[in-house]
């Protein structure tokens, strides 16, 4: 409904690192597309930035995941690591709160990659559009290195 109101926009990488196709992420909930469409990124550092401008819709109590929403309704989930929920927030520092407005490129959180690895946790960052079926979404999942300026998805 009202598709003519939607504008084209891009979603940038929230972290620097190496792209992993979503189907190859070591978590079946994500790799099978049960939560949404997107990609995985094996991070080169523990700094996570907002890939869009919008609002923080949720910060998980365990600090390992953040929900974002654009003004047009597109919803994104950024999930740090596989099974990081078991750390109960240890190794994470969140810089935002639910309900807060955010600009593309603002820092969302820091995480300690070495701490995750020392606890045998895969630090892969997963970014998915959870309401992907409401948009024409193009996912760029060519394997390679990503910077924060790289576009990983386009939507309209």
C-alpha atoms as a PDB file:
ATOM      1  CA  UNK A   1       0.000   0.000   0.000  1.00  0.00           C
ATOM      2  CA  UNK A   2       1.278   3.471  -0.900  1.00  0.00           C
ATOM      3  CA  UNK A   3       4.375   2.017  -2.576  1.00  0.00           C
ATOM      4  CA  UNK A   4       4.654   5.263  -4.522  1.00  0.00           C
ATOM      5  CA  UNK A   5       5.607   6.974  -1.233  1.00  0.00           C
ATOM      6  CA  UNK A   6       8.646   4.766  -0.738  1.00  0.00           C
ATOM      7  CA  UNK A   7      11.989   6.075  -1.901  1.00  0.00           C
ATOM      8  CA  UNK A   8      15.060   4.160  -2.948  1.00  0.00           C
ATOM      9  CA  UNK A   9      17.767   4.013  -0.306  1.00  0.00           C
ATOM     10  CA  UNK A  10      20.859   2.066   0.557  1.00  0.00           C
ATOM     11  CA  UNK A  11      21.942   0.181   3.656  1.00  0.00           C
ATOM     12  CA  UNK A  12      25.623   0.369   4.515  1.00  0.00           C
ATOM     13  CA  UNK A  13      27.766  -2.192   6.275  1.00  0.00           C
ATOM     14  CA  UNK A  14      27.561  -1.724  10.070  1.00  0.00           C
ATOM     15  CA  UNK A  15      31.091  -3.123  10.588  1.00  0.00           C
ATOM     16  CA  UNK A  16      34.362  -3.536   8.756  1.00  0.00           C
ATOM     17  CA  UNK A  17      35.241  -7.101   7.852  1.00  0.00           C
ATOM     18  CA  UNK A  18      34.732  -9.933   5.405  1.00  0.00           C
ATOM     19  CA  UNK A  19      31.326 -10.627   3.893  1.00  0.00           C
ATOM     20  CA  UNK A  20      29.674 -14.013   4.466  1.00  0.00           C
ATOM     21  CA  UNK A  21      26.596 -15.035   2.515  1.00  0.00           C
ATOM     22  CA  UNK A  22      23.659 -15.349   4.915  1.00  0.00           C
ATOM     23  CA  UNK A  23      23.122 -18.990   3.933  1.00  0.00           C
ATOM     24  CA  UNK A  24      26.686 -19.693   5.148  1.00  0.00           C
ATOM     25  CA  UNK A  25      26.258 -18.140   8.622  1.00  0.00           C
ATOM     26  CA  UNK A  26      26.695 -20.723  11.395  1.00  0.00           C
ATOM     27  CA  UNK A  27      23.210 -20.176  12.855  1.00  0.00           C
ATOM     28  CA  UNK A  28      20.287 -21.918  11.166  1.00  0.00           C
ATOM     29  CA  UNK A  29      17.748 -19.320  12.303  1.00  0.00           C
ATOM     30  CA  UNK A  30      19.581 -16.743  10.200  1.00  0.00           C
ATOM     31  CA  UNK A  31      21.032 -18.966   7.447  1.00  0.00           C
ATOM     32  CA  UNK A  32      17.595 -20.357   6.600  1.00  0.00           C
ATOM     33  CA  UNK A  33      16.185 -16.815   6.336  1.00  0.00           C
ATOM     34  CA  UNK A  34      13.739 -17.281   9.203  1.00  0.00           C
ATOM     35  CA  UNK A  35      14.359 -13.780  10.588  1.00  0.00           C
ATOM     36  CA  UNK A  36      14.956 -11.886   7.352  1.00  0.00           C
ATOM     37  CA  UNK A  37      17.178 -11.270   4.363  1.00  0.00           C
ATOM     38  CA  UNK A  38      20.692  -9.942   4.700  1.00  0.00           C
ATOM     39  CA  UNK A  39      24.335 -10.906   5.140  1.00  0.00           C
ATOM     40  CA  UNK A  40      26.913 -11.938   7.702  1.00  0.00           C
ATOM     41  CA  UNK A  41      30.202 -10.136   8.272  1.00  0.00           C
ATOM     42  CA  UNK A  42      33.262 -11.580   9.975  1.00  0.00           C
ATOM     43  CA  UNK A  43      34.393  -8.387  11.741  1.00  0.00           C
ATOM     44  CA  UNK A  44      37.917  -6.983  11.664  1.00  0.00           C
ATOM     45  CA  UNK A  45      37.209  -4.900  14.781  1.00  0.00           C
ATOM     46  CA  UNK A  46      34.552  -4.601  17.474  1.00  0.00           C
ATOM     47  CA  UNK A  47      32.942  -1.313  16.420  1.00  0.00           C
ATOM     48  CA  UNK A  48      29.349  -1.372  15.152  1.00  0.00           C
ATOM     49  CA  UNK A  49      27.791   1.650  13.422  1.00  0.00           C
ATOM     50  CA  UNK A  50      24.283   2.411  12.227  1.00  0.00           C
ATOM     51  CA  UNK A  51      23.762   1.369   8.589  1.00  0.00           C
ATOM     52  CA  UNK A  52      20.714   3.671   8.262  1.00  0.00           C
ATOM     53  CA  UNK A  53      19.159   6.787   9.764  1.00  0.00           C
ATOM     54  CA  UNK A  54      16.103   6.149  11.897  1.00  0.00           C
ATOM     55  CA  UNK A  55      15.216   5.049  15.398  1.00  0.00           C
ATOM     56  CA  UNK A  56      16.553   2.435  17.801  1.00  0.00           C
ATOM     57  CA  UNK A  57      13.580   0.135  18.348  1.00  0.00           C
ATOM     58  CA  UNK A  58      15.260  -2.214  20.800  1.00  0.00           C
ATOM     59  CA  UNK A  59      18.499  -2.996  22.530  1.00  0.00           C
ATOM     60  CA  UNK A  60      18.533  -6.573  23.776  1.00  0.00           C
ATOM     61  CA  UNK A  61      19.223  -6.757  27.542  1.00  0.00           C
ATOM     62  CA  UNK A  62      22.214  -8.982  26.717  1.00  0.00           C
ATOM     63  CA  UNK A  63      23.561  -6.168  24.473  1.00  0.00           C
ATOM     64  CA  UNK A  64      24.276  -8.552  21.572  1.00  0.00           C
ATOM     65  CA  UNK A  65      21.551  -7.270  19.241  1.00  0.00           C
ATOM     66  CA  UNK A  66      19.998  -3.962  18.253  1.00  0.00           C
ATOM     67  CA  UNK A  67      16.841  -3.251  16.260  1.00  0.00           C
ATOM     68  CA  UNK A  68      16.564  -0.210  13.986  1.00  0.00           C
ATOM     69  CA  UNK A  69      13.692   1.281  12.017  1.00  0.00           C
ATOM     70  CA  UNK A  70      13.674   3.828   9.218  1.00  0.00           C
ATOM     71  CA  UNK A  71      10.942   6.472   9.049  1.00  0.00           C
ATOM     72  CA  UNK A  72       9.359   4.589   6.132  1.00  0.00           C
ATOM     73  CA  UNK A  73       9.030   1.453   8.298  1.00  0.00           C
ATOM     74  CA  UNK A  74      11.970  -0.692   7.125  1.00  0.00           C
ATOM     75  CA  UNK A  75      13.225  -2.719  10.100  1.00  0.00           C
ATOM     76  CA  UNK A  76      16.771  -3.987  10.581  1.00  0.00           C
ATOM     77  CA  UNK A  77      18.249  -6.326  13.152  1.00  0.00           C
ATOM     78  CA  UNK A  78      21.981  -6.276  13.841  1.00  0.00           C
ATOM     79  CA  UNK A  79      23.051  -9.384  15.747  1.00  0.00           C
ATOM     80  CA  UNK A  80      26.613  -9.708  17.038  1.00  0.00           C
ATOM     81  CA  UNK A  81      28.078 -13.194  17.295  1.00  0.00           C
ATOM     82  CA  UNK A  82      26.643 -16.694  17.429  1.00  0.00           C
ATOM     83  CA  UNK A  83      25.307 -17.709  20.875  1.00  0.00           C
ATOM     84  CA  UNK A  84      26.455 -14.394  22.407  1.00  0.00           C
ATOM     85  CA  UNK A  85      23.210 -14.270  24.376  1.00  0.00           C
ATOM     86  CA  UNK A  86      24.910 -16.698  26.782  1.00  0.00           C
ATOM     87  CA  UNK A  87      27.464 -14.011  27.742  1.00  0.00           C
ATOM     88  CA  UNK A  88      24.667 -11.967  29.376  1.00  0.00           C
ATOM     89  CA  UNK A  89      26.147  -8.693  28.083  1.00  0.00           C
ATOM     90  CA  UNK A  90      29.753  -9.294  29.112  1.00  0.00           C
ATOM     91  CA  UNK A  91      32.156  -7.969  26.476  1.00  0.00           C
ATOM     92  CA  UNK A  92      29.655  -5.455  25.056  1.00  0.00           C
ATOM     93  CA  UNK A  93      29.322  -1.682  25.526  1.00  0.00           C
ATOM     94  CA  UNK A  94      26.151  -0.168  24.056  1.00  0.00           C
ATOM     95  CA  UNK A  95      26.103   3.546  23.177  1.00  0.00           C
ATOM     96  CA  UNK A  96      22.381   3.926  22.322  1.00  0.00           C
ATOM     97  CA  UNK A  97      18.970   3.436  23.938  1.00  0.00           C
ATOM     98  CA  UNK A  98      15.588   2.247  22.693  1.00  0.00           C
ATOM     99  CA  UNK A  99      13.541   5.119  21.271  1.00  0.00           C
ATOM    100  CA  UNK A 100      16.617   7.160  20.386  1.00  0.00           C
ATOM    101  CA  UNK A 101      16.942   8.763  16.945  1.00  0.00           C
ATOM    102  CA  UNK A 102      20.076   7.713  15.099  1.00  0.00           C
ATOM    103  CA  UNK A 103      21.908   8.912  12.002  1.00  0.00           C
ATOM    104  CA  UNK A 104      23.634   6.669   9.468  1.00  0.00           C
ATOM    105  CA  UNK A 105      27.221   6.193  10.604  1.00  0.00           C
ATOM    106  CA  UNK A 106      26.670   6.801  14.343  1.00  0.00           C
ATOM    107  CA  UNK A 107      28.311   4.302  16.677  1.00  0.00           C
ATOM    108  CA  UNK A 108      25.870   1.798  18.175  1.00  0.00           C
ATOM    109  CA  UNK A 109      28.104  -0.427  20.263  1.00  0.00           C
ATOM    110  CA  UNK A 110      31.549  -1.865  20.876  1.00  0.00           C
ATOM    111  CA  UNK A 111      32.321  -5.521  21.488  1.00  0.00           C
ATOM    112  CA  UNK A 112      35.478  -7.361  22.458  1.00  0.00           C
ATOM    113  CA  UNK A 113      36.267  -9.797  19.633  1.00  0.00           C
ATOM    114  CA  UNK A 114      39.093 -11.446  21.564  1.00  0.00           C
ATOM    115  CA  UNK A 115      36.797 -12.009  24.561  1.00  0.00           C
ATOM    116  CA  UNK A 116      34.233 -13.668  22.277  1.00  0.00           C
ATOM    117  CA  UNK A 117      36.887 -15.880  20.680  1.00  0.00           C
ATOM    118  CA  UNK A 118      38.333 -16.831  24.082  1.00  0.00           C
ATOM    119  CA  UNK A 119      34.837 -18.052  24.993  1.00  0.00           C
ATOM    120  CA  UNK A 120      34.658 -20.096  21.752  1.00  0.00           C
ATOM    121  CA  UNK A 121      32.057 -17.751  20.284  1.00  0.00           C
ATOM    122  CA  UNK A 122      31.923 -16.984  16.566  1.00  0.00           C
ATOM    123  CA  UNK A 123      31.991 -13.134  16.347  1.00  0.00           C
ATOM    124  CA  UNK A 124      30.130 -12.961  13.013  1.00  0.00           C
ATOM    125  CA  UNK A 125      27.889  -9.894  12.800  1.00  0.00           C
ATOM    126  CA  UNK A 126      24.575 -10.575  11.084  1.00  0.00           C
ATOM    127  CA  UNK A 127      22.446  -7.824   9.578  1.00  0.00           C
ATOM    128  CA  UNK A 128      18.967  -8.614   8.270  1.00  0.00           C
ATOM    129  CA  UNK A 129      15.928  -6.698   7.099  1.00  0.00           C
ATOM    130  CA  UNK A 130      13.184  -8.344   9.148  1.00  0.00           C
ATOM    131  CA  UNK A 131      10.248  -6.991   7.134  1.00  0.00           C
ATOM    132  CA  UNK A 132      11.939  -7.633   3.777  1.00  0.00           C
ATOM    133  CA  UNK A 133       8.734  -8.776   2.110  1.00  0.00           C
ATOM    134  CA  UNK A 134       7.391  -5.193   2.342  1.00  0.00           C
ATOM    135  CA  UNK A 135      10.222  -3.908   0.113  1.00  0.00           C
ATOM    136  CA  UNK A 136      12.001  -4.579  -3.138  1.00  0.00           C
ATOM    137  CA  UNK A 137      15.303  -5.576  -1.578  1.00  0.00           C
ATOM    138  CA  UNK A 138      18.598  -6.164  -3.378  1.00  0.00           C
ATOM    139  CA  UNK A 139      21.261  -7.861  -1.261  1.00  0.00           C
ATOM    140  CA  UNK A 140      24.875  -7.451  -2.398  1.00  0.00           C
ATOM    141  CA  UNK A 141      26.558 -10.573  -1.121  1.00  0.00           C
ATOM    142  CA  UNK A 142      29.683 -10.847  -3.233  1.00  0.00           C
ATOM    143  CA  UNK A 143      32.437 -12.261  -1.028  1.00  0.00           C
ATOM    144  CA  UNK A 144      35.100  -9.700  -0.159  1.00  0.00           C
ATOM    145  CA  UNK A 145      36.202  -7.064   2.323  1.00  0.00           C
ATOM    146  CA  UNK A 146      33.725  -4.456   3.539  1.00  0.00           C
ATOM    147  CA  UNK A 147      34.223  -0.931   4.815  1.00  0.00           C
ATOM    148  CA  UNK A 148      31.588   1.203   6.520  1.00  0.00           C
ATOM    149  CA  UNK A 149      31.025   3.042   3.229  1.00  0.00           C
ATOM    150  CA  UNK A 150      30.135  -0.134   1.345  1.00  0.00           C
ATOM    151  CA  UNK A 151      26.484  -0.621   0.434  1.00  0.00           C
ATOM    152  CA  UNK A 152      25.295  -4.114   1.348  1.00  0.00           C
ATOM    153  CA  UNK A 153      21.621  -3.726   0.392  1.00  0.00           C
ATOM    154  CA  UNK A 154      19.352  -1.424  -1.598  1.00  0.00           C
ATOM    155  CA  UNK A 155      15.651  -1.179  -0.942  1.00  0.00           C
ATOM    156  CA  UNK A 156      12.626   0.565  -2.347  1.00  0.00           C
END
